[in-house]
């Protein structure tokens, strides 16, 4: 039996990057997937080899079940409609992956504009908050628990230079994960956060293509490589499955040992 057989999952920001990889692996493990983003088309700056085909189409072509629902996660009514669409199509919700996010960086704190701060908080904080809020409402209605996975970041656990607005938005997402875990564990709603370091996605394409940054970054990682989206998707499948039934309120790093780099040789 597949690890997510019979489960229904929503993945926000599923058209590219982490969200796309998570949705594809969820479907491969038997889940019915509601793919959601501002548009079904993948970001052309991404690293996907099948970038011309939308995530939901790719799932269906492989024999899985998936639909696409357009959703702006910064708008609570659209997030509520997203959950309603999942229930209308598949009859229930088991897993909510709050993956949609944006990145702002390359400046010192005093150089950022208010618009940069607002953008990070609207998507990275409000988006995760609204997604969790609507999922919890549905889980409580169903009465048999549920599973929330928040895509946080190692930046939410400790500051990186020249991206303060991003750091603090991801710090809020980390704290949201802890708050949800404390409040809803008694309702059998498990909540965990995945904290990747820099990985190969459309959001980091410019950094990846910057040879100076690439050299410094890879040297800081004991495993000496960038993260791949599959590294994050593999963990997401585990956290969504019954195999992780006693893992709750955790913020799990996927960083190639970056935190240990000061000891690396």
Protein backbone atom coordinates (compact mmCIF):
# COMPACT_ATOMS: atom_id res chain seq x y z
CA UNK A 1 0.00 0.00 0.00
CA UNK A 2 1.23 3.47 -0.85
CA UNK A 3 2.14 5.71 2.07
CA UNK A 4 -0.58 8.34 1.46
CA UNK A 5 -3.24 6.08 -0.02
CA UNK A 6 -6.73 7.49 0.52
CA UNK A 7 -5.56 10.86 1.81
CA UNK A 8 -6.54 14.26 0.37
CA UNK A 9 -3.96 17.04 0.37
CA UNK A 10 -3.86 20.72 -0.51
CA UNK A 11 -0.47 22.13 -1.57
CA UNK A 12 -0.23 25.90 -1.97
CA UNK A 13 2.35 27.36 -4.31
CA UNK A 14 2.33 24.06 -6.18
CA UNK A 15 3.15 25.27 -9.67
CA UNK A 16 6.91 25.44 -9.11
CA UNK A 17 9.72 24.54 -6.76
CA UNK A 18 9.07 22.85 -3.42
CA UNK A 19 5.31 22.89 -3.90
CA UNK A 20 5.46 21.17 -7.26
CA UNK A 21 7.83 18.47 -5.98
CA UNK A 22 5.68 17.89 -2.90
CA UNK A 23 2.47 17.63 -4.91
CA UNK A 24 4.05 15.18 -7.36
CA UNK A 25 5.44 12.95 -4.62
CA UNK A 26 2.18 13.07 -2.66
CA UNK A 27 0.34 11.86 -5.76
CA UNK A 28 2.94 9.16 -6.39
CA UNK A 29 2.27 7.92 -2.86
CA UNK A 30 -1.47 7.71 -3.49
CA UNK A 31 -2.82 11.06 -2.30
CA UNK A 32 -5.48 13.01 -4.13
CA UNK A 33 -3.97 16.45 -4.56
CA UNK A 34 -5.48 19.91 -4.80
CA UNK A 35 -2.80 21.98 -6.51
CA UNK A 36 -3.05 25.70 -5.84
CA UNK A 37 -1.19 28.79 -6.98
CA UNK A 38 -1.79 32.13 -8.65
CA UNK A 39 -1.55 30.33 -11.99
CA UNK A 40 -1.02 26.71 -13.04
CA UNK A 41 2.03 27.48 -15.16
CA UNK A 42 5.46 26.86 -13.64
CA UNK A 43 7.91 29.72 -13.17
CA UNK A 44 10.19 29.59 -16.20
CA UNK A 45 13.21 30.41 -14.02
CA UNK A 46 12.81 27.08 -12.28
CA UNK A 47 14.90 23.94 -12.62
CA UNK A 48 12.10 21.51 -13.51
CA UNK A 49 12.75 19.40 -16.59
CA UNK A 50 9.02 19.15 -17.37
CA UNK A 51 8.39 22.84 -16.82
CA UNK A 52 5.98 23.18 -19.76
CA UNK A 53 3.36 20.94 -18.14
CA UNK A 54 1.38 22.07 -15.10
CA UNK A 55 1.62 20.12 -11.86
CA UNK A 56 -1.97 18.88 -11.91
CA UNK A 57 -1.68 17.79 -15.55
CA UNK A 58 1.53 15.92 -14.76
CA UNK A 59 -0.18 14.08 -11.92
CA UNK A 60 -3.16 13.08 -14.03
CA UNK A 61 -0.92 11.97 -16.90
CA UNK A 62 0.77 9.58 -14.47
CA UNK A 63 -2.58 8.12 -13.43
CA UNK A 64 -3.10 10.14 -10.26
CA UNK A 65 -5.97 12.38 -9.15
CA UNK A 66 -5.48 16.14 -9.00
CA UNK A 67 -7.19 19.43 -9.67
CA UNK A 68 -5.92 23.00 -9.86
CA UNK A 69 -7.59 25.78 -7.87
CA UNK A 70 -6.42 29.36 -8.31
CA UNK A 71 -5.80 31.00 -4.94
CA UNK A 72 -4.14 34.13 -3.62
CA UNK A 73 -3.10 33.00 -0.13
CA UNK A 74 -2.99 36.59 1.12
CA UNK A 75 -6.79 36.74 0.84
CA UNK A 76 -8.67 34.80 3.50
CA UNK A 77 -11.80 34.38 1.39
CA UNK A 78 -9.82 32.76 -1.42
CA UNK A 79 -8.15 30.36 1.01
CA UNK A 80 -11.57 29.44 2.43
CA UNK A 81 -12.77 28.83 -1.14
CA UNK A 82 -9.72 26.65 -1.78
CA UNK A 83 -10.57 24.35 1.14
CA UNK A 84 -14.22 24.32 0.04
CA UNK A 85 -13.15 23.24 -3.46
CA UNK A 86 -11.15 20.36 -2.00
CA UNK A 87 -14.17 19.19 -0.01
CA UNK A 88 -16.47 19.57 -3.01
CA UNK A 89 -14.18 17.49 -5.21
CA UNK A 90 -12.81 14.87 -2.83
CA UNK A 91 -15.15 14.95 0.17
CA UNK A 92 -12.59 15.63 2.89
CA UNK A 93 -9.21 17.11 3.76
CA UNK A 94 -6.36 15.27 5.50
CA UNK A 95 -3.23 17.31 4.78
CA UNK A 96 -2.59 21.04 4.36
CA UNK A 97 0.81 22.11 3.05
CA UNK A 98 1.37 25.85 3.44
CA UNK A 99 4.16 26.19 0.92
CA UNK A 100 3.40 29.41 -1.00
CA UNK A 101 6.10 31.96 -0.30
CA UNK A 102 8.21 34.76 -1.69
CA UNK A 103 11.77 35.93 -1.14
CA UNK A 104 13.17 39.43 -0.78
CA UNK A 105 16.90 39.89 -0.27
CA UNK A 106 20.09 41.57 -1.37
CA UNK A 107 19.81 44.63 0.89
CA UNK A 108 20.74 45.68 4.39
CA UNK A 109 17.86 46.32 6.77
CA UNK A 110 17.92 50.11 6.34
CA UNK A 111 17.73 49.74 2.55
CA UNK A 112 14.50 47.74 2.38
CA UNK A 113 11.28 49.51 1.42
CA UNK A 114 8.03 49.11 3.32
CA UNK A 115 6.68 47.29 0.26
CA UNK A 116 9.32 44.57 0.71
CA UNK A 117 8.29 44.03 4.32
CA UNK A 118 4.60 43.99 3.44
CA UNK A 119 5.14 41.51 0.60
CA UNK A 120 6.99 39.02 2.82
CA UNK A 121 4.48 39.28 5.63
CA UNK A 122 1.45 39.08 3.37
CA UNK A 123 2.55 35.88 1.64
CA UNK A 124 4.83 34.14 4.12
CA UNK A 125 2.91 34.96 7.30
CA UNK A 126 -0.70 35.69 6.39
CA UNK A 127 -0.67 32.97 3.73
CA UNK A 128 0.41 30.32 6.23
CA UNK A 129 -1.95 31.69 8.88
CA UNK A 130 -5.00 31.63 6.62
CA UNK A 131 -4.11 28.19 5.26
CA UNK A 132 -3.74 26.77 8.75
CA UNK A 133 -6.88 28.52 9.97
CA UNK A 134 -9.10 27.11 7.24
CA UNK A 135 -7.55 23.65 7.50
CA UNK A 136 -8.11 23.57 11.26
CA UNK A 137 -11.76 24.55 10.82
CA UNK A 138 -12.24 21.65 8.42
CA UNK A 139 -10.29 19.19 10.56
CA UNK A 140 -12.37 20.07 13.62
CA UNK A 141 -15.55 19.66 11.60
CA UNK A 142 -14.45 16.23 10.40
CA UNK A 143 -13.51 15.26 13.95
CA UNK A 144 -10.69 12.82 13.18
CA UNK A 145 -7.60 15.02 13.23
CA UNK A 146 -5.46 16.25 10.39
CA UNK A 147 -1.98 17.24 9.35
CA UNK A 148 -0.47 20.67 8.67
CA UNK A 149 2.99 21.12 7.18
CA UNK A 150 4.42 24.63 7.02
CA UNK A 151 7.35 25.43 4.74
CA UNK A 152 9.45 27.60 6.99
CA UNK A 153 13.20 28.05 6.35
CA UNK A 154 16.47 27.89 8.20
CA UNK A 155 16.20 31.68 7.88
CA UNK A 156 13.29 31.48 10.31
CA UNK A 157 15.55 29.89 12.92
CA UNK A 158 18.43 32.36 12.69
CA UNK A 159 19.15 35.47 10.65
CA UNK A 160 20.97 35.43 7.33
CA UNK A 161 22.60 38.67 6.12
CA UNK A 162 20.90 40.94 3.61
CA UNK A 163 17.41 39.45 3.86
CA UNK A 164 16.01 40.72 7.14
CA UNK A 165 12.44 41.11 5.88
CA UNK A 166 12.45 37.50 4.73
CA UNK A 167 14.09 36.28 7.94
CA UNK A 168 11.51 37.81 10.23
CA UNK A 169 8.58 36.61 8.12
CA UNK A 170 9.91 33.05 8.31
CA UNK A 171 10.53 33.50 12.03
CA UNK A 172 6.83 34.24 12.34
CA UNK A 173 6.00 31.10 10.34
CA UNK A 174 8.16 29.07 12.75
CA UNK A 175 6.34 30.52 15.75
CA UNK A 176 2.99 29.89 14.07
CA UNK A 177 3.97 26.23 13.73
CA UNK A 178 4.71 26.01 17.46
CA UNK A 179 1.51 27.83 18.39
CA UNK A 180 -0.65 25.54 16.28
CA UNK A 181 1.02 22.45 17.71
CA UNK A 182 0.33 23.54 21.28
CA UNK A 183 -3.28 24.50 20.59
CA UNK A 184 -4.47 21.61 18.44
CA UNK A 185 -2.45 18.53 19.36
CA UNK A 186 -5.28 17.46 21.67
CA UNK A 187 -7.53 17.39 18.59
CA UNK A 188 -5.13 14.99 16.85
CA UNK A 189 -4.08 17.72 14.45
CA UNK A 190 -0.35 17.34 13.89
CA UNK A 191 1.68 20.38 12.86
CA UNK A 192 5.31 20.50 11.77
CA UNK A 193 7.59 22.83 9.87
CA UNK A 194 10.18 22.07 7.20
CA UNK A 195 13.19 24.39 7.24
CA UNK A 196 15.28 24.21 4.07
CA UNK A 197 18.40 26.20 3.40
CA UNK A 198 18.96 27.53 -0.12
CA UNK A 199 17.76 24.99 -2.68
CA UNK A 200 17.45 25.00 -6.45
CA UNK A 201 14.15 26.75 -7.17
CA UNK A 202 13.01 29.68 -9.27
CA UNK A 203 13.24 31.92 -6.18
CA UNK A 204 16.97 31.24 -5.85
CA UNK A 205 17.88 31.10 -9.56
CA UNK A 206 19.73 34.44 -9.43
CA UNK A 207 21.76 33.33 -6.41
CA UNK A 208 22.50 29.96 -8.02
CA UNK A 209 23.73 31.70 -11.19
CA UNK A 210 25.96 34.05 -9.15
CA UNK A 211 29.24 32.13 -9.25
CA UNK A 212 30.70 34.00 -6.28
CA UNK A 213 27.66 33.23 -4.12
CA UNK A 214 27.54 29.65 -5.37
CA UNK A 215 31.15 29.05 -4.36
CA UNK A 216 30.78 30.54 -0.88
CA UNK A 217 27.49 28.75 -0.25
CA UNK A 218 28.62 25.29 -1.37
CA UNK A 219 31.77 25.63 0.72
CA UNK A 220 29.60 26.38 3.77
CA UNK A 221 27.69 23.09 3.38
CA UNK A 222 29.40 19.93 4.70
CA UNK A 223 27.64 17.89 1.97
CA UNK A 224 28.99 20.36 -0.61
CA UNK A 225 25.88 20.82 -2.73
CA UNK A 226 22.70 22.84 -3.09
CA UNK A 227 19.45 21.43 -1.82
CA UNK A 228 17.17 19.78 -4.35
CA UNK A 229 13.38 20.11 -4.24
CA UNK A 230 13.14 16.35 -3.83
CA UNK A 231 15.04 16.62 -0.53
CA UNK A 232 12.18 18.68 0.83
CA UNK A 233 9.43 16.62 -0.82
CA UNK A 234 10.81 13.40 0.68
CA UNK A 235 10.49 14.85 4.18
CA UNK A 236 7.03 16.22 3.42
CA UNK A 237 5.81 12.74 2.44
CA UNK A 238 7.17 11.31 5.69
CA UNK A 239 5.54 14.05 7.79
CA UNK A 240 2.23 13.60 5.94
CA UNK A 241 2.25 9.85 6.47
CA UNK A 242 1.35 7.74 9.49
CA UNK A 243 5.04 6.87 9.83
CA UNK A 244 5.57 10.20 11.61
CA UNK A 245 2.53 9.85 13.87
CA UNK A 246 4.43 10.92 17.02
CA UNK A 247 6.31 13.84 15.46
CA UNK A 248 4.56 17.06 16.38
CA UNK A 249 5.51 20.71 16.77
CA UNK A 250 8.93 20.19 15.24
CA UNK A 251 10.94 22.47 12.95
CA UNK A 252 13.08 20.13 10.91
CA UNK A 253 16.15 21.44 9.09
CA UNK A 254 16.97 20.24 5.58
CA UNK A 255 20.30 21.98 5.21
CA UNK A 256 23.05 19.53 4.28
CA UNK A 257 24.63 20.12 7.69
CA UNK A 258 24.95 23.88 7.17
CA UNK A 259 24.46 24.49 10.90
CA UNK A 260 27.62 22.44 11.49
CA UNK A 261 29.75 24.32 8.96
CA UNK A 262 31.84 26.05 11.58
CA UNK A 263 33.17 22.60 12.46
CA UNK A 264 33.59 21.45 8.85
CA UNK A 265 37.02 20.65 7.40
